N, C-alpha and C. Protein backbone atom coordinates (compact mmCIF):
# COMPACT_ATOMS: atom_id res chain seq x y z
N MET A 1 222.96 147.86 -96.96
CA MET A 1 223.57 149.15 -97.29
C MET A 1 224.53 149.02 -98.47
N LYS A 2 224.77 147.79 -98.94
CA LYS A 2 225.63 147.63 -100.11
C LYS A 2 224.99 148.20 -101.37
N THR A 3 223.67 148.09 -101.46
CA THR A 3 222.98 148.54 -102.68
C THR A 3 222.06 149.73 -102.44
N SER A 4 221.94 150.21 -101.21
CA SER A 4 221.02 151.32 -100.89
C SER A 4 221.75 152.40 -100.11
N ASP A 5 221.32 153.63 -100.31
CA ASP A 5 221.86 154.75 -99.55
C ASP A 5 221.07 154.99 -98.27
N ILE A 6 219.77 154.63 -98.31
CA ILE A 6 218.88 154.79 -97.16
C ILE A 6 218.01 153.54 -97.07
N VAL A 7 217.95 152.95 -95.87
CA VAL A 7 217.10 151.77 -95.66
C VAL A 7 216.28 151.98 -94.40
N ALA A 8 214.95 151.86 -94.55
CA ALA A 8 214.03 151.97 -93.42
C ALA A 8 213.55 150.58 -93.05
N GLY A 9 213.28 150.38 -91.77
CA GLY A 9 212.81 149.09 -91.30
C GLY A 9 211.44 149.18 -90.65
N TYR A 10 211.00 148.05 -90.15
CA TYR A 10 209.70 147.91 -89.49
C TYR A 10 209.87 148.26 -88.01
N SER A 11 208.96 149.06 -87.45
CA SER A 11 209.08 149.51 -86.07
C SER A 11 207.79 149.28 -85.30
N PRO A 12 207.47 148.03 -84.96
CA PRO A 12 206.24 147.77 -84.20
C PRO A 12 206.42 148.12 -82.73
N ASP A 13 205.30 148.25 -82.04
CA ASP A 13 205.29 148.41 -80.60
C ASP A 13 205.77 147.09 -79.96
N PRO A 14 206.39 147.13 -78.77
CA PRO A 14 206.81 145.88 -78.13
C PRO A 14 205.68 144.86 -77.96
N ASP A 15 204.44 145.31 -77.87
CA ASP A 15 203.30 144.39 -77.78
C ASP A 15 202.84 143.96 -79.17
N MET A 16 203.63 144.33 -80.19
CA MET A 16 203.38 144.00 -81.59
C MET A 16 202.09 144.62 -82.11
N LYS A 17 201.67 145.72 -81.50
CA LYS A 17 200.54 146.50 -82.02
C LYS A 17 201.11 147.50 -83.02
N ASP A 18 200.30 147.92 -83.94
CA ASP A 18 200.76 148.88 -84.92
C ASP A 18 199.61 149.82 -85.24
N ILE A 19 199.77 151.13 -84.93
CA ILE A 19 198.71 152.08 -85.23
C ILE A 19 198.85 152.64 -86.64
N GLY A 20 199.91 152.31 -87.28
CA GLY A 20 200.11 152.76 -88.65
C GLY A 20 200.56 154.21 -88.72
N ARG A 21 200.91 154.61 -89.90
CA ARG A 21 201.35 155.98 -90.15
C ARG A 21 200.42 156.59 -91.19
N VAL A 22 200.43 157.89 -91.26
CA VAL A 22 199.74 158.59 -92.34
C VAL A 22 200.84 158.95 -93.34
N PRO A 23 200.96 158.18 -94.41
CA PRO A 23 202.05 158.43 -95.35
C PRO A 23 201.92 159.78 -96.05
N THR A 24 203.05 160.37 -96.30
CA THR A 24 203.15 161.57 -97.12
C THR A 24 204.00 161.19 -98.31
N LEU A 25 203.42 161.29 -99.50
CA LEU A 25 204.11 160.86 -100.70
C LEU A 25 204.62 162.05 -101.50
N ILE A 26 205.90 162.00 -101.84
CA ILE A 26 206.54 162.99 -102.70
C ILE A 26 207.09 162.24 -103.89
N ASP A 27 206.66 162.64 -105.05
CA ASP A 27 207.05 161.95 -106.28
C ASP A 27 206.78 160.45 -106.17
N GLY A 28 205.69 160.08 -105.48
CA GLY A 28 205.31 158.68 -105.32
C GLY A 28 206.09 157.93 -104.26
N LYS A 29 206.92 158.64 -103.50
CA LYS A 29 207.77 158.00 -102.49
C LYS A 29 207.37 158.47 -101.09
N ASP A 30 207.27 157.53 -100.15
CA ASP A 30 206.87 157.82 -98.77
C ASP A 30 208.03 158.48 -98.02
N ILE A 31 207.77 159.61 -97.37
CA ILE A 31 208.81 160.29 -96.60
C ILE A 31 208.56 160.20 -95.09
N THR A 32 207.60 159.36 -94.66
CA THR A 32 207.23 159.35 -93.25
C THR A 32 207.84 158.20 -92.44
N PHE A 33 208.86 157.55 -92.95
CA PHE A 33 209.49 156.50 -92.15
C PHE A 33 210.12 157.13 -90.91
N PRO A 34 209.83 156.57 -89.72
CA PRO A 34 210.39 157.16 -88.49
C PRO A 34 211.88 156.87 -88.38
N THR A 35 212.60 157.80 -87.78
CA THR A 35 214.05 157.65 -87.66
C THR A 35 214.46 156.72 -86.53
N CYS A 36 213.50 156.10 -85.84
CA CYS A 36 213.87 155.14 -84.80
C CYS A 36 214.44 153.86 -85.42
N ASN A 37 214.22 153.67 -86.73
CA ASN A 37 214.72 152.46 -87.39
C ASN A 37 215.00 152.76 -88.86
N ILE A 38 216.07 153.49 -89.08
CA ILE A 38 216.46 153.81 -90.46
C ILE A 38 217.97 153.98 -90.49
N ALA A 39 218.57 153.61 -91.59
CA ALA A 39 220.02 153.72 -91.74
C ALA A 39 220.33 154.57 -92.97
N TYR A 40 221.33 155.43 -92.83
CA TYR A 40 221.76 156.32 -93.91
C TYR A 40 223.26 156.16 -94.13
N LYS A 41 223.68 156.26 -95.36
CA LYS A 41 225.10 156.37 -95.64
C LYS A 41 225.53 157.80 -95.33
N ARG A 42 226.76 157.96 -94.95
CA ARG A 42 227.30 159.28 -94.58
C ARG A 42 227.10 160.31 -95.69
N GLU A 43 227.26 159.90 -96.93
CA GLU A 43 227.15 160.85 -98.05
C GLU A 43 225.77 161.50 -98.13
N VAL A 44 224.73 160.80 -97.63
CA VAL A 44 223.38 161.37 -97.64
C VAL A 44 223.36 162.64 -96.78
N PHE A 45 223.97 162.57 -95.61
CA PHE A 45 224.02 163.74 -94.73
C PHE A 45 224.88 164.84 -95.34
N GLU A 46 226.01 164.44 -95.92
CA GLU A 46 226.91 165.43 -96.51
C GLU A 46 226.26 166.15 -97.68
N LYS A 47 225.52 165.44 -98.52
CA LYS A 47 224.90 166.05 -99.70
C LYS A 47 223.67 166.88 -99.35
N THR A 48 222.89 166.47 -98.34
CA THR A 48 221.63 167.16 -98.03
C THR A 48 221.74 168.15 -96.88
N GLY A 49 222.80 168.11 -96.12
CA GLY A 49 222.95 169.03 -94.99
C GLY A 49 222.42 168.50 -93.68
N GLY A 50 221.93 167.26 -93.66
CA GLY A 50 221.47 166.64 -92.42
C GLY A 50 220.16 167.22 -91.90
N PHE A 51 219.86 166.91 -90.66
CA PHE A 51 218.61 167.34 -90.03
C PHE A 51 218.67 168.83 -89.68
N ILE A 52 217.51 169.50 -89.74
CA ILE A 52 217.45 170.87 -89.27
C ILE A 52 217.09 170.83 -87.79
N GLU A 53 217.43 171.87 -87.08
CA GLU A 53 217.16 171.92 -85.65
C GLU A 53 216.16 173.03 -85.35
N VAL A 54 214.91 172.78 -85.68
CA VAL A 54 213.85 173.74 -85.44
C VAL A 54 212.76 173.03 -84.65
N GLN A 55 212.30 173.67 -83.60
CA GLN A 55 211.27 173.09 -82.74
C GLN A 55 209.99 172.83 -83.52
N LYS A 56 209.36 171.72 -83.27
CA LYS A 56 208.04 171.35 -83.77
C LYS A 56 207.99 171.00 -85.25
N VAL A 57 209.11 170.78 -85.90
CA VAL A 57 209.09 170.32 -87.28
C VAL A 57 209.30 168.82 -87.27
N PRO A 58 208.54 168.07 -88.06
CA PRO A 58 208.81 166.63 -88.14
C PRO A 58 210.13 166.42 -88.88
N GLU A 59 211.22 166.47 -88.10
CA GLU A 59 212.55 166.50 -88.69
C GLU A 59 212.83 165.30 -89.59
N ASP A 60 212.24 164.15 -89.28
CA ASP A 60 212.47 162.99 -90.13
C ASP A 60 211.81 163.19 -91.50
N CYS A 61 210.56 163.65 -91.52
CA CYS A 61 209.87 163.90 -92.80
C CYS A 61 210.56 165.00 -93.60
N GLU A 62 210.96 166.06 -92.91
CA GLU A 62 211.62 167.17 -93.59
C GLU A 62 212.92 166.70 -94.22
N PHE A 63 213.72 165.92 -93.47
CA PHE A 63 214.98 165.41 -93.99
C PHE A 63 214.75 164.44 -95.15
N HIS A 64 213.76 163.57 -95.01
CA HIS A 64 213.47 162.61 -96.08
C HIS A 64 212.97 163.33 -97.34
N TYR A 65 212.24 164.41 -97.17
CA TYR A 65 211.81 165.21 -98.32
C TYR A 65 213.03 165.69 -99.09
N ARG A 66 214.00 166.26 -98.38
CA ARG A 66 215.21 166.75 -99.06
C ARG A 66 216.01 165.60 -99.67
N CYS A 67 216.00 164.44 -99.03
CA CYS A 67 216.70 163.28 -99.60
C CYS A 67 216.07 162.86 -100.93
N ILE A 68 214.74 162.78 -100.96
CA ILE A 68 214.04 162.41 -102.20
C ILE A 68 214.32 163.45 -103.29
N LYS A 69 214.25 164.72 -102.94
CA LYS A 69 214.50 165.78 -103.92
C LYS A 69 215.95 165.77 -104.41
N ALA A 70 216.87 165.25 -103.59
CA ALA A 70 218.27 165.14 -103.99
C ALA A 70 218.53 163.88 -104.83
N GLY A 71 217.49 163.07 -105.02
CA GLY A 71 217.64 161.89 -105.88
C GLY A 71 217.82 160.57 -105.16
N TYR A 72 217.76 160.58 -103.84
CA TYR A 72 217.91 159.33 -103.09
C TYR A 72 216.58 158.56 -103.05
N VAL A 73 216.69 157.27 -102.84
CA VAL A 73 215.54 156.39 -102.69
C VAL A 73 215.58 155.82 -101.29
N ILE A 74 214.44 155.79 -100.60
CA ILE A 74 214.36 155.17 -99.28
C ILE A 74 213.84 153.75 -99.50
N ASP A 75 214.73 152.78 -99.36
CA ASP A 75 214.33 151.38 -99.49
C ASP A 75 213.76 150.89 -98.17
N TYR A 76 212.85 149.94 -98.24
CA TYR A 76 212.21 149.40 -97.04
C TYR A 76 212.59 147.93 -96.90
N ASN A 77 213.02 147.55 -95.70
CA ASN A 77 213.36 146.17 -95.40
C ASN A 77 212.59 145.75 -94.15
N PRO A 78 211.49 144.99 -94.29
CA PRO A 78 210.68 144.62 -93.13
C PRO A 78 211.42 143.69 -92.15
N ARG A 79 212.51 143.08 -92.58
CA ARG A 79 213.28 142.21 -91.66
C ARG A 79 214.17 143.04 -90.74
N MET A 80 214.37 144.31 -91.05
CA MET A 80 215.13 145.21 -90.18
C MET A 80 214.13 145.75 -89.17
N GLU A 81 214.06 145.12 -88.01
CA GLU A 81 213.00 145.41 -87.04
C GLU A 81 213.55 145.97 -85.73
N VAL A 82 212.93 147.05 -85.26
CA VAL A 82 213.25 147.65 -83.97
C VAL A 82 211.93 147.89 -83.25
N LEU A 83 211.82 147.41 -82.01
CA LEU A 83 210.61 147.65 -81.22
C LEU A 83 210.61 149.11 -80.76
N HIS A 84 209.46 149.76 -80.92
CA HIS A 84 209.36 151.18 -80.61
C HIS A 84 207.99 151.45 -79.97
N HIS A 85 207.99 152.01 -78.76
CA HIS A 85 206.73 152.29 -78.05
C HIS A 85 205.90 153.31 -78.82
N GLN A 86 204.60 153.03 -78.95
CA GLN A 86 203.68 153.92 -79.64
C GLN A 86 202.57 154.32 -78.67
N MET A 87 201.85 155.37 -79.01
CA MET A 87 200.75 155.86 -78.19
C MET A 87 199.48 155.05 -78.50
N PHE A 88 198.98 154.28 -77.52
CA PHE A 88 197.79 153.48 -77.76
C PHE A 88 196.58 153.91 -76.95
N SER A 89 196.80 154.59 -75.81
CA SER A 89 195.65 155.06 -75.07
C SER A 89 194.96 156.14 -75.90
N THR A 90 193.69 156.35 -75.67
CA THR A 90 192.95 157.36 -76.43
C THR A 90 193.58 158.74 -76.22
N PHE A 91 193.92 159.06 -74.97
CA PHE A 91 194.52 160.36 -74.68
C PHE A 91 195.89 160.47 -75.35
N GLY A 92 196.72 159.43 -75.21
CA GLY A 92 198.06 159.46 -75.81
C GLY A 92 198.00 159.58 -77.32
N PHE A 93 197.09 158.85 -77.92
CA PHE A 93 196.93 158.90 -79.37
C PHE A 93 196.48 160.28 -79.82
N ALA A 94 195.49 160.87 -79.11
CA ALA A 94 195.00 162.20 -79.45
C ALA A 94 196.10 163.25 -79.28
N LYS A 95 196.86 163.13 -78.20
CA LYS A 95 197.96 164.07 -77.95
C LYS A 95 199.00 163.98 -79.07
N GLN A 96 199.37 162.76 -79.44
CA GLN A 96 200.34 162.56 -80.53
C GLN A 96 199.80 163.15 -81.83
N ALA A 97 198.53 162.91 -82.14
CA ALA A 97 197.92 163.43 -83.36
C ALA A 97 197.91 164.96 -83.36
N PHE A 98 197.63 165.55 -82.18
CA PHE A 98 197.62 167.00 -82.05
C PHE A 98 198.99 167.58 -82.39
N TRP A 99 200.04 167.04 -81.77
CA TRP A 99 201.39 167.56 -82.02
C TRP A 99 201.85 167.27 -83.44
N ASN A 100 201.44 166.13 -83.99
CA ASN A 100 201.77 165.85 -85.39
C ASN A 100 201.09 166.85 -86.31
N GLY A 101 199.85 167.24 -85.99
CA GLY A 101 199.15 168.25 -86.79
C GLY A 101 199.86 169.59 -86.74
N GLU A 102 200.30 169.98 -85.55
CA GLU A 102 201.03 171.24 -85.43
C GLU A 102 202.34 171.17 -86.21
N ALA A 103 203.00 170.03 -86.16
CA ALA A 103 204.25 169.86 -86.91
C ALA A 103 203.99 169.89 -88.42
N ARG A 104 202.85 169.34 -88.86
CA ARG A 104 202.51 169.38 -90.30
C ARG A 104 202.37 170.82 -90.77
N TYR A 105 201.80 171.68 -89.92
CA TYR A 105 201.69 173.09 -90.30
C TYR A 105 203.09 173.68 -90.52
N GLU A 106 204.00 173.38 -89.63
CA GLU A 106 205.36 173.92 -89.73
C GLU A 106 206.07 173.45 -91.00
N ILE A 107 205.94 172.16 -91.32
CA ILE A 107 206.63 171.65 -92.52
C ILE A 107 205.95 172.17 -93.78
N ASN A 108 204.64 172.41 -93.73
CA ASN A 108 203.95 172.98 -94.89
C ASN A 108 204.40 174.41 -95.16
N LYS A 109 204.82 175.14 -94.13
CA LYS A 109 205.36 176.47 -94.34
C LYS A 109 206.68 176.40 -95.11
N LEU A 110 207.47 175.38 -94.81
CA LEU A 110 208.74 175.20 -95.52
C LEU A 110 208.52 174.74 -96.95
N TYR A 111 207.63 173.77 -97.12
CA TYR A 111 207.40 173.14 -98.42
C TYR A 111 205.90 173.09 -98.71
N PRO A 112 205.35 174.15 -99.30
CA PRO A 112 203.90 174.20 -99.55
C PRO A 112 203.38 173.04 -100.39
N GLU A 113 204.22 172.42 -101.21
CA GLU A 113 203.77 171.30 -102.03
C GLU A 113 203.40 170.07 -101.20
N LEU A 114 203.77 170.05 -99.91
CA LEU A 114 203.40 168.93 -99.03
C LEU A 114 201.97 169.06 -98.52
N LYS A 115 201.36 170.21 -98.74
CA LYS A 115 200.03 170.49 -98.17
C LYS A 115 199.00 169.42 -98.49
N HIS A 116 199.03 168.87 -99.68
CA HIS A 116 198.04 167.87 -100.09
C HIS A 116 198.67 166.51 -100.37
N ALA A 117 199.82 166.24 -99.75
CA ALA A 117 200.54 164.99 -100.03
C ALA A 117 200.25 163.89 -99.01
N HIS A 118 199.40 164.16 -98.00
CA HIS A 118 199.13 163.18 -96.96
C HIS A 118 198.05 162.20 -97.43
N GLN A 119 198.23 160.93 -97.13
CA GLN A 119 197.33 159.88 -97.58
C GLN A 119 196.55 159.32 -96.40
N HIS A 120 195.33 159.81 -96.16
CA HIS A 120 194.50 159.35 -95.04
C HIS A 120 193.53 158.27 -95.49
N GLY A 121 193.28 157.30 -94.63
CA GLY A 121 192.25 156.31 -94.87
C GLY A 121 190.99 156.71 -94.11
N LEU A 122 189.92 155.94 -94.21
CA LEU A 122 188.67 156.30 -93.55
C LEU A 122 188.33 155.40 -92.36
N SER A 123 189.30 155.08 -91.53
CA SER A 123 189.01 154.32 -90.32
C SER A 123 188.69 155.29 -89.19
N LEU A 124 188.08 154.79 -88.12
CA LEU A 124 187.78 155.63 -86.96
C LEU A 124 189.07 156.22 -86.39
N ARG A 125 190.11 155.43 -86.31
CA ARG A 125 191.40 155.90 -85.78
C ARG A 125 191.94 157.05 -86.63
N ASN A 126 191.82 156.94 -87.95
CA ASN A 126 192.31 158.02 -88.81
C ASN A 126 191.44 159.26 -88.72
N ILE A 127 190.15 159.10 -88.49
CA ILE A 127 189.28 160.26 -88.30
C ILE A 127 189.67 160.99 -87.02
N ILE A 128 189.90 160.24 -85.93
CA ILE A 128 190.37 160.85 -84.68
C ILE A 128 191.71 161.54 -84.91
N ARG A 129 192.61 160.86 -85.62
CA ARG A 129 193.92 161.43 -85.92
C ARG A 129 193.77 162.74 -86.69
N MET A 130 192.86 162.77 -87.67
CA MET A 130 192.68 163.98 -88.47
C MET A 130 192.06 165.12 -87.65
N VAL A 131 191.10 164.80 -86.78
CA VAL A 131 190.47 165.84 -85.96
C VAL A 131 191.50 166.48 -85.03
N PHE A 132 192.24 165.67 -84.29
CA PHE A 132 193.22 166.23 -83.36
C PHE A 132 194.41 166.82 -84.11
N GLY A 133 194.75 166.24 -85.24
CA GLY A 133 195.80 166.82 -86.08
C GLY A 133 195.41 168.19 -86.60
N PHE A 134 194.14 168.33 -86.99
CA PHE A 134 193.65 169.62 -87.46
C PHE A 134 193.69 170.66 -86.34
N LEU A 135 193.32 170.24 -85.12
CA LEU A 135 193.40 171.16 -83.98
C LEU A 135 194.84 171.63 -83.76
N GLY A 136 195.78 170.70 -83.81
CA GLY A 136 197.19 171.07 -83.66
C GLY A 136 197.65 171.98 -84.78
N PHE A 137 197.25 171.67 -86.00
CA PHE A 137 197.59 172.48 -87.16
C PHE A 137 197.05 173.90 -86.99
N THR A 138 195.79 174.02 -86.55
CA THR A 138 195.15 175.32 -86.38
C THR A 138 195.84 176.13 -85.28
N ILE A 139 196.13 175.50 -84.17
CA ILE A 139 196.81 176.21 -83.08
C ILE A 139 198.21 176.63 -83.52
N GLY A 140 198.91 175.76 -84.25
CA GLY A 140 200.23 176.13 -84.78
C GLY A 140 200.14 177.32 -85.72
N ARG A 141 199.05 177.42 -86.45
CA ARG A 141 198.87 178.50 -87.43
C ARG A 141 198.54 179.82 -86.74
N PHE A 142 197.66 179.80 -85.76
CA PHE A 142 197.16 181.05 -85.18
C PHE A 142 197.82 181.45 -83.86
N PHE A 143 198.57 180.55 -83.26
CA PHE A 143 199.26 180.86 -82.01
C PHE A 143 200.73 180.48 -82.12
N PRO A 144 201.49 181.17 -82.97
CA PRO A 144 202.89 180.81 -83.18
C PRO A 144 203.73 181.00 -81.92
N LYS A 145 204.76 180.16 -81.79
CA LYS A 145 205.67 180.24 -80.65
C LYS A 145 207.06 180.59 -81.15
N LYS A 146 207.94 180.94 -80.24
CA LYS A 146 209.32 181.23 -80.59
C LYS A 146 209.99 179.97 -81.11
N ASN A 147 211.09 180.14 -81.82
CA ASN A 147 211.88 179.05 -82.36
C ASN A 147 211.10 178.20 -83.36
N ARG A 148 210.27 178.83 -84.12
CA ARG A 148 209.50 178.14 -85.16
C ARG A 148 210.00 178.61 -86.50
N ILE A 149 209.55 177.93 -87.51
CA ILE A 149 209.93 178.29 -88.86
C ILE A 149 209.30 179.62 -89.22
N GLY A 150 209.97 180.36 -90.03
CA GLY A 150 209.52 181.68 -90.46
C GLY A 150 210.75 182.55 -90.56
N SER A 151 210.66 183.74 -90.05
CA SER A 151 211.81 184.63 -90.13
C SER A 151 212.98 184.13 -89.27
N ARG A 152 212.70 183.29 -88.29
CA ARG A 152 213.77 182.79 -87.42
C ARG A 152 214.40 181.51 -87.93
N TYR A 153 213.92 180.97 -89.06
CA TYR A 153 214.45 179.71 -89.56
C TYR A 153 215.89 179.88 -90.00
N VAL A 154 216.77 179.14 -89.36
CA VAL A 154 218.19 179.18 -89.69
C VAL A 154 218.66 177.75 -89.81
N LYS A 155 219.28 177.45 -90.89
CA LYS A 155 219.81 176.10 -91.11
C LYS A 155 221.19 176.02 -90.50
N LYS A 156 221.47 174.95 -89.77
CA LYS A 156 222.75 174.76 -89.12
C LYS A 156 223.83 174.53 -90.16
N THR A 157 224.96 175.21 -90.00
CA THR A 157 226.10 175.01 -90.90
C THR A 157 227.33 174.71 -90.07
N ASP A 158 228.40 174.32 -90.72
CA ASP A 158 229.65 173.96 -90.03
C ASP A 158 230.60 175.13 -89.89
N SER A 159 230.16 176.37 -90.08
CA SER A 159 231.08 177.49 -90.01
C SER A 159 231.38 177.94 -88.62
């Protein structure tokens, strides 16, 4: 933290399995580092306004998007390691992909430029992730729920 404002680390499953992430690149920088293993200087929160509190938005990606746009760099340190449980069963993985897809729809409403910023590979796991993610995205689009982004979007302030 002496030379970086934001540092992300490696977050494998306790069994040391890794299903990987689908990176979203903004200005060539990945904004999908999970907040289970990331450190921020206080000024980052003060300058960007911190996390938003809206249901079903990938709050870590949304916050990192604003950090990148504010000029911050997210440095990666693989030696900064935190074990984090991931979904490995087929059902758990599909469920996670579904909710991630619905969350992608919500963040795309906030920032339309993210619509084509996702970097998918062509593995079977990524195809499953895309199919269930698309289902979640579609349901999020056509069956909106309360407390979602749109006319009800309100950013938390200190007033």
